[in-house]
Amino acid sequence: MHGSSDRAHLWIRVFAAPILLAAATITGLLAALLWGALGQYVAWVTVGCPVLVVFRVWLRRSKKAKSS
């Protein structure tokens, strides 16, 4: 037992969120180009996701810093 399955789980934990955000952003950009009016709304939601994630992390860190 060398922990190879642990490494696989660690890789997924580290890179899953960035890969999902990248996929959502690419989907939104393509939707805006290809789907017309409906694509604009899809693009707003999917391209806004990374902004919301960054804002949420920033709020968490600022709350932690104030409580410490």
Protein backbone atom coordinates (compact mmCIF):
# COMPACT_ATOMS: atom_id res chain seq x y z
CA MET A 1 0.00 0.00 0.00
CA HIS A 2 1.75 3.06 -1.25
CA GLY A 3 -1.20 5.42 -1.04
CA SER A 4 -1.79 5.67 -4.77
CA SER A 5 -5.56 5.91 -4.27
CA ASP A 6 -4.95 8.68 -1.74
CA ARG A 7 -3.02 10.59 -4.39
CA ALA A 8 -5.89 10.24 -6.83
CA HIS A 9 -8.34 11.62 -4.27
CA LEU A 10 -5.98 14.46 -3.46
CA TRP A 11 -5.68 15.35 -7.15
CA ILE A 12 -9.46 15.44 -7.48
CA ARG A 13 -9.83 17.60 -4.36
CA VAL A 14 -7.25 20.09 -5.59
CA PHE A 15 -8.24 20.41 -9.24
CA ALA A 16 -11.97 19.61 -9.37
CA ALA A 17 -13.24 23.12 -8.61
CA PRO A 18 -10.92 24.96 -11.04
CA ILE A 19 -11.72 22.48 -13.82
CA LEU A 20 -15.46 22.86 -13.23
CA LEU A 21 -15.18 26.67 -13.21
CA ALA A 22 -13.17 26.60 -16.43
CA ALA A 23 -15.71 24.30 -18.09
CA ALA A 24 -18.59 26.54 -17.00
CA THR A 25 -16.82 29.63 -18.30
CA ILE A 26 -16.03 28.04 -21.66
CA THR A 27 -19.62 26.83 -21.94
CA GLY A 28 -20.90 30.31 -21.21
CA LEU A 29 -18.62 31.95 -23.74
CA LEU A 30 -19.59 29.48 -26.43
CA ALA A 31 -23.28 29.83 -25.53
CA ALA A 32 -23.05 33.61 -25.97
CA LEU A 33 -21.55 33.12 -29.42
CA LEU A 34 -23.73 30.29 -30.67
CA TRP A 35 -27.13 30.35 -28.97
CA GLY A 36 -28.34 33.89 -29.63
CA ALA A 37 -30.57 35.52 -27.03
CA LEU A 38 -30.79 32.49 -24.76
CA GLY A 39 -27.01 32.16 -24.86
CA GLN A 40 -26.62 35.64 -23.43
CA TYR A 41 -28.42 34.64 -20.25
CA VAL A 42 -26.50 31.38 -19.99
CA ALA A 43 -23.27 33.35 -20.45
CA TRP A 44 -24.14 35.81 -17.69
CA VAL A 45 -24.68 32.99 -15.23
CA THR A 46 -21.72 30.81 -16.20
CA VAL A 47 -19.18 33.60 -16.64
CA GLY A 48 -20.35 35.13 -13.38
CA CYS A 49 -19.72 31.91 -11.43
CA PRO A 50 -15.95 32.47 -10.97
CA VAL A 51 -16.63 36.01 -9.78
CA LEU A 52 -19.09 34.72 -7.19
CA VAL A 53 -16.66 32.04 -6.03
CA VAL A 54 -13.87 34.59 -5.55
CA PHE A 55 -16.23 36.92 -3.69
CA ARG A 56 -17.40 34.10 -1.41
CA VAL A 57 -13.81 33.07 -0.58
CA TRP A 58 -12.90 36.70 0.07
CA LEU A 59 -15.83 37.07 2.48
CA ARG A 60 -14.88 33.88 4.31
CA ARG A 61 -11.28 35.01 4.73
CA SER A 62 -12.28 38.45 5.95
CA LYS A 63 -14.64 36.90 8.54
CA LYS A 64 -11.85 34.56 9.71
CA ALA A 65 -9.39 37.44 10.02
CA LYS A 66 -11.86 39.48 12.09
CA SER A 67 -12.66 36.61 14.44
CA SER A 68 -8.99 35.78 15.08
